[in-house]
């Protein structure tokens, strides 16, 4: 994130559920020197993501794949359509626990698909650098995982009002 600039292009999820390239329009917050506590999330495929407890992320509770609880077999993975991602899937990372599912972008044929991956570990770590870029879609992929651009960390009233618009739009 520390290398990302306004005007750069990142992968995001469109309103129609397609993986698209989206321009970074602005920073909600960008403070490379600020130390804060992050939730470090590790998935069943080894991917990791660090975000504050106040940052919004798309998740599904209750097991990945066929919807049963417990570890999900490594293959085959369930490909996700936008219609499968109910509005209630957007939650603060503080509500993220082992057993929840996150949405990962993976290459498939000539394009991309969203695939569920199970959270296997969530730990707290303190690190420097707080970043929240804003894209036209209101989301982006970080380490291939779908995250919202929004959090309650900074200017929560503005972000909540924007979130209401996004929720209606989705």
C-alpha atoms as a PDB file:
ATOM      1  CA  UNK A   1       0.000   0.000   0.000  1.00  0.00           C
ATOM      2  CA  UNK A   2       2.854   2.399   0.709  1.00  0.00           C
ATOM      3  CA  UNK A   3       3.766   2.418  -3.013  1.00  0.00           C
ATOM      4  CA  UNK A   4       0.182   3.032  -4.216  1.00  0.00           C
ATOM      5  CA  UNK A   5      -0.607   6.548  -5.513  1.00  0.00           C
ATOM      6  CA  UNK A   6      -3.744   8.409  -6.558  1.00  0.00           C
ATOM      7  CA  UNK A   7      -4.186   7.682 -10.262  1.00  0.00           C
ATOM      8  CA  UNK A   8      -2.801   4.132 -10.047  1.00  0.00           C
ATOM      9  CA  UNK A   9      -4.962   1.259 -11.273  1.00  0.00           C
ATOM     10  CA  UNK A  10      -5.965  -1.715  -9.109  1.00  0.00           C
ATOM     11  CA  UNK A  11      -8.276  -4.715  -9.424  1.00  0.00           C
ATOM     12  CA  UNK A  12     -11.781  -4.221  -8.010  1.00  0.00           C
ATOM     13  CA  UNK A  13     -15.233  -5.783  -8.241  1.00  0.00           C
ATOM     14  CA  UNK A  14     -17.781  -3.956 -10.400  1.00  0.00           C
ATOM     15  CA  UNK A  15     -21.467  -3.500  -9.586  1.00  0.00           C
ATOM     16  CA  UNK A  16     -22.168  -6.254 -12.108  1.00  0.00           C
ATOM     17  CA  UNK A  17     -19.870  -8.669 -10.285  1.00  0.00           C
ATOM     18  CA  UNK A  18     -17.006  -8.547 -12.783  1.00  0.00           C
ATOM     19  CA  UNK A  19     -13.366  -8.182 -11.795  1.00  0.00           C
ATOM     20  CA  UNK A  20     -12.304  -4.856 -13.331  1.00  0.00           C
ATOM     21  CA  UNK A  21      -9.391  -2.447 -13.283  1.00  0.00           C
ATOM     22  CA  UNK A  22     -10.285   0.630 -11.221  1.00  0.00           C
ATOM     23  CA  UNK A  23      -8.474   3.927 -10.664  1.00  0.00           C
ATOM     24  CA  UNK A  24      -7.456   4.993  -7.159  1.00  0.00           C
ATOM     25  CA  UNK A  25      -9.407   8.258  -6.845  1.00  0.00           C
ATOM     26  CA  UNK A  26      -8.301   9.472  -3.407  1.00  0.00           C
ATOM     27  CA  UNK A  27      -7.108   8.449   0.038  1.00  0.00           C
ATOM     28  CA  UNK A  28      -9.577   8.123   2.886  1.00  0.00           C
ATOM     29  CA  UNK A  29      -6.499   7.971   5.072  1.00  0.00           C
ATOM     30  CA  UNK A  30      -2.805   7.488   4.356  1.00  0.00           C
ATOM     31  CA  UNK A  31      -0.362   7.687   7.225  1.00  0.00           C
ATOM     32  CA  UNK A  32       2.833   5.647   6.730  1.00  0.00           C
ATOM     33  CA  UNK A  33       4.246   6.632  10.155  1.00  0.00           C
ATOM     34  CA  UNK A  34       1.253   5.786  12.323  1.00  0.00           C
ATOM     35  CA  UNK A  35       1.579   2.659  14.470  1.00  0.00           C
ATOM     36  CA  UNK A  36      -1.628   0.778  15.101  1.00  0.00           C
ATOM     37  CA  UNK A  37      -2.974  -2.660  15.922  1.00  0.00           C
ATOM     38  CA  UNK A  38      -3.914  -4.776  12.924  1.00  0.00           C
ATOM     39  CA  UNK A  39      -5.777  -8.052  12.619  1.00  0.00           C
ATOM     40  CA  UNK A  40      -3.495 -10.393  10.703  1.00  0.00           C
ATOM     41  CA  UNK A  41      -5.645 -12.912   8.889  1.00  0.00           C
ATOM     42  CA  UNK A  42      -4.297 -16.181   7.451  1.00  0.00           C
ATOM     43  CA  UNK A  43      -6.338 -18.241   5.006  1.00  0.00           C
ATOM     44  CA  UNK A  44      -6.352 -21.957   4.275  1.00  0.00           C
ATOM     45  CA  UNK A  45      -4.257 -21.347   1.130  1.00  0.00           C
ATOM     46  CA  UNK A  46      -1.565 -19.470   3.100  1.00  0.00           C
ATOM     47  CA  UNK A  47      -2.497 -15.964   1.926  1.00  0.00           C
ATOM     48  CA  UNK A  48      -2.389 -13.256   4.575  1.00  0.00           C
ATOM     49  CA  UNK A  49      -4.022  -9.889   5.003  1.00  0.00           C
ATOM     50  CA  UNK A  50      -3.552  -7.214   7.666  1.00  0.00           C
ATOM     51  CA  UNK A  51      -6.272  -4.679   8.381  1.00  0.00           C
ATOM     52  CA  UNK A  52      -7.562  -2.700  11.323  1.00  0.00           C
ATOM     53  CA  UNK A  53     -10.538  -4.022  13.259  1.00  0.00           C
ATOM     54  CA  UNK A  54     -12.528  -1.017  11.971  1.00  0.00           C
ATOM     55  CA  UNK A  55     -11.909  -1.712   8.295  1.00  0.00           C
ATOM     56  CA  UNK A  56     -14.800  -3.249   6.337  1.00  0.00           C
ATOM     57  CA  UNK A  57     -14.287  -6.564   4.561  1.00  0.00           C
ATOM     58  CA  UNK A  58     -16.550  -8.915   2.626  1.00  0.00           C
ATOM     59  CA  UNK A  59     -17.027 -12.196   4.472  1.00  0.00           C
ATOM     60  CA  UNK A  60     -19.354 -15.135   4.812  1.00  0.00           C
ATOM     61  CA  UNK A  61     -19.839 -17.003   8.070  1.00  0.00           C
ATOM     62  CA  UNK A  62     -20.773 -20.644   8.503  1.00  0.00           C
ATOM     63  CA  UNK A  63     -18.193 -22.513   6.462  1.00  0.00           C
ATOM     64  CA  UNK A  64     -16.919 -22.261   2.926  1.00  0.00           C
ATOM     65  CA  UNK A  65     -17.760 -24.294  -0.129  1.00  0.00           C
ATOM     66  CA  UNK A  66     -20.896 -26.314   0.519  1.00  0.00           C
ATOM     67  CA  UNK A  67     -21.860 -24.201   3.543  1.00  0.00           C
ATOM     68  CA  UNK A  68     -21.037 -26.866   6.151  1.00  0.00           C
ATOM     69  CA  UNK A  69     -19.020 -25.932   9.190  1.00  0.00           C
ATOM     70  CA  UNK A  70     -15.461 -27.111   9.594  1.00  0.00           C
ATOM     71  CA  UNK A  71     -12.400 -27.146   7.351  1.00  0.00           C
ATOM     72  CA  UNK A  72     -13.108 -26.930   3.666  1.00  0.00           C
ATOM     73  CA  UNK A  73     -11.352 -29.423   1.426  1.00  0.00           C
ATOM     74  CA  UNK A  74      -8.667 -27.688  -0.655  1.00  0.00           C
ATOM     75  CA  UNK A  75     -10.442 -28.448  -3.951  1.00  0.00           C
ATOM     76  CA  UNK A  76     -12.763 -27.974  -5.643  1.00  0.00           C
ATOM     77  CA  UNK A  77     -13.472 -24.423  -4.540  1.00  0.00           C
ATOM     78  CA  UNK A  78     -16.833 -22.782  -4.952  1.00  0.00           C
ATOM     79  CA  UNK A  79     -16.839 -19.963  -7.501  1.00  0.00           C
ATOM     80  CA  UNK A  80     -18.844 -17.010  -6.232  1.00  0.00           C
ATOM     81  CA  UNK A  81     -21.249 -14.824  -8.171  1.00  0.00           C
ATOM     82  CA  UNK A  82     -22.226 -11.351  -7.020  1.00  0.00           C
ATOM     83  CA  UNK A  83     -25.719 -12.686  -6.311  1.00  0.00           C
ATOM     84  CA  UNK A  84     -24.133 -15.089  -3.787  1.00  0.00           C
ATOM     85  CA  UNK A  85     -22.606 -12.177  -1.872  1.00  0.00           C
ATOM     86  CA  UNK A  86     -25.536 -10.907   0.148  1.00  0.00           C
ATOM     87  CA  UNK A  87     -25.527  -7.319   1.375  1.00  0.00           C
ATOM     88  CA  UNK A  88     -24.877  -8.603   4.901  1.00  0.00           C
ATOM     89  CA  UNK A  89     -21.446  -9.906   3.873  1.00  0.00           C
ATOM     90  CA  UNK A  90     -19.832  -6.491   4.470  1.00  0.00           C
ATOM     91  CA  UNK A  91     -18.596  -6.423   8.080  1.00  0.00           C
ATOM     92  CA  UNK A  92     -15.904  -4.796  10.185  1.00  0.00           C
ATOM     93  CA  UNK A  93     -12.731  -6.874  10.384  1.00  0.00           C
ATOM     94  CA  UNK A  94     -13.207  -6.917  14.164  1.00  0.00           C
ATOM     95  CA  UNK A  95     -15.988  -9.452  13.437  1.00  0.00           C
ATOM     96  CA  UNK A  96     -13.667 -11.734  11.473  1.00  0.00           C
ATOM     97  CA  UNK A  97     -12.923 -15.147  13.011  1.00  0.00           C
ATOM     98  CA  UNK A  98     -11.445 -18.517  12.106  1.00  0.00           C
ATOM     99  CA  UNK A  99     -14.034 -20.424  10.107  1.00  0.00           C
ATOM    100  CA  UNK A 100     -15.306 -17.355   8.230  1.00  0.00           C
ATOM    101  CA  UNK A 101     -14.847 -17.214   4.456  1.00  0.00           C
ATOM    102  CA  UNK A 102     -13.199 -14.430   2.476  1.00  0.00           C
ATOM    103  CA  UNK A 103     -13.433 -13.877  -1.270  1.00  0.00           C
ATOM    104  CA  UNK A 104     -10.251 -14.285  -3.296  1.00  0.00           C
ATOM    105  CA  UNK A 105      -9.767 -13.415  -6.957  1.00  0.00           C
ATOM    106  CA  UNK A 106      -8.156 -16.147  -9.044  1.00  0.00           C
ATOM    107  CA  UNK A 107      -7.360 -16.385 -12.753  1.00  0.00           C
ATOM    108  CA  UNK A 108      -9.804 -18.572 -14.669  1.00  0.00           C
ATOM    109  CA  UNK A 109      -9.665 -19.011 -18.445  1.00  0.00           C
ATOM    110  CA  UNK A 110      -9.448 -15.553 -20.022  1.00  0.00           C
ATOM    111  CA  UNK A 111     -10.689 -13.779 -16.907  1.00  0.00           C
ATOM    112  CA  UNK A 112     -11.058 -14.030 -13.178  1.00  0.00           C
ATOM    113  CA  UNK A 113     -13.400 -15.663 -10.670  1.00  0.00           C
ATOM    114  CA  UNK A 114     -14.107 -15.093  -6.999  1.00  0.00           C
ATOM    115  CA  UNK A 115     -13.397 -18.115  -4.843  1.00  0.00           C
ATOM    116  CA  UNK A 116     -14.136 -18.652  -1.138  1.00  0.00           C
ATOM    117  CA  UNK A 117     -11.215 -19.343   1.174  1.00  0.00           C
ATOM    118  CA  UNK A 118     -11.512 -20.136   4.845  1.00  0.00           C
ATOM    119  CA  UNK A 119      -9.926 -18.041   7.582  1.00  0.00           C
ATOM    120  CA  UNK A 120      -7.750 -20.361   9.684  1.00  0.00           C
ATOM    121  CA  UNK A 121      -6.125 -17.821  12.012  1.00  0.00           C
ATOM    122  CA  UNK A 122      -6.653 -14.237  13.194  1.00  0.00           C
ATOM    123  CA  UNK A 123      -4.024 -12.628  15.443  1.00  0.00           C
ATOM    124  CA  UNK A 124      -3.290  -9.056  16.541  1.00  0.00           C
ATOM    125  CA  UNK A 125      -0.045  -7.383  15.478  1.00  0.00           C
ATOM    126  CA  UNK A 126       1.229  -3.825  15.879  1.00  0.00           C
ATOM    127  CA  UNK A 127       2.793  -2.284  12.768  1.00  0.00           C
ATOM    128  CA  UNK A 128       3.373   1.071  11.105  1.00  0.00           C
ATOM    129  CA  UNK A 129       1.375   2.361   8.168  1.00  0.00           C
ATOM    130  CA  UNK A 130      -2.367   3.006   7.877  1.00  0.00           C
ATOM    131  CA  UNK A 131      -3.829   3.164   4.365  1.00  0.00           C
ATOM    132  CA  UNK A 132      -7.314   3.277   2.840  1.00  0.00           C
ATOM    133  CA  UNK A 133      -7.458   4.103  -0.871  1.00  0.00           C
ATOM    134  CA  UNK A 134     -10.808   4.935  -2.495  1.00  0.00           C
ATOM    135  CA  UNK A 135     -11.694   3.463  -5.887  1.00  0.00           C
ATOM    136  CA  UNK A 136     -14.706   4.215  -8.079  1.00  0.00           C
ATOM    137  CA  UNK A 137     -16.144   0.802  -7.107  1.00  0.00           C
ATOM    138  CA  UNK A 138     -15.679   1.359  -3.367  1.00  0.00           C
ATOM    139  CA  UNK A 139     -13.635  -1.847  -3.078  1.00  0.00           C
ATOM    140  CA  UNK A 140     -10.379  -3.373  -4.230  1.00  0.00           C
ATOM    141  CA  UNK A 141      -8.369  -6.563  -4.019  1.00  0.00           C
ATOM    142  CA  UNK A 142      -5.494  -6.584  -1.516  1.00  0.00           C
ATOM    143  CA  UNK A 143      -3.279  -9.677  -1.674  1.00  0.00           C
ATOM    144  CA  UNK A 144      -6.003 -11.024  -4.002  1.00  0.00           C
ATOM    145  CA  UNK A 145      -8.690 -10.647  -1.275  1.00  0.00           C
ATOM    146  CA  UNK A 146     -11.780  -8.481  -1.724  1.00  0.00           C
ATOM    147  CA  UNK A 147     -11.899  -5.618   0.802  1.00  0.00           C
ATOM    148  CA  UNK A 148     -13.974  -2.473   1.071  1.00  0.00           C
ATOM    149  CA  UNK A 149     -12.376   0.942   0.795  1.00  0.00           C
ATOM    150  CA  UNK A 150     -14.273   1.993   3.924  1.00  0.00           C
ATOM    151  CA  UNK A 151     -13.625   1.841   7.644  1.00  0.00           C
ATOM    152  CA  UNK A 152     -14.871   3.514  10.801  1.00  0.00           C
ATOM    153  CA  UNK A 153     -11.274   4.484  11.643  1.00  0.00           C
ATOM    154  CA  UNK A 154     -11.372   8.023  10.232  1.00  0.00           C
ATOM    155  CA  UNK A 155     -14.343  10.281   9.382  1.00  0.00           C
ATOM    156  CA  UNK A 156     -16.900   7.600  10.223  1.00  0.00           C
ATOM    157  CA  UNK A 157     -19.976   9.740   9.491  1.00  0.00           C
ATOM    158  CA  UNK A 158     -18.821  10.495   5.938  1.00  0.00           C
ATOM    159  CA  UNK A 159     -17.904   6.868   5.322  1.00  0.00           C
ATOM    160  CA  UNK A 160     -21.147   5.525   6.781  1.00  0.00           C
ATOM    161  CA  UNK A 161     -23.182   7.799   4.503  1.00  0.00           C
ATOM    162  CA  UNK A 162     -21.093   6.656   1.553  1.00  0.00           C
ATOM    163  CA  UNK A 163     -21.565   3.054   2.688  1.00  0.00           C
ATOM    164  CA  UNK A 164     -25.354   3.523   2.657  1.00  0.00           C
ATOM    165  CA  UNK A 165     -25.133   4.619  -0.969  1.00  0.00           C
ATOM    166  CA  UNK A 166     -22.928   1.620  -1.811  1.00  0.00           C
ATOM    167  CA  UNK A 167     -25.305  -0.792  -0.056  1.00  0.00           C
ATOM    168  CA  UNK A 168     -28.247   0.551  -2.094  1.00  0.00           C
ATOM    169  CA  UNK A 169     -26.130   0.383  -5.253  1.00  0.00           C
ATOM    170  CA  UNK A 170     -25.117  -3.234  -4.597  1.00  0.00           C
END
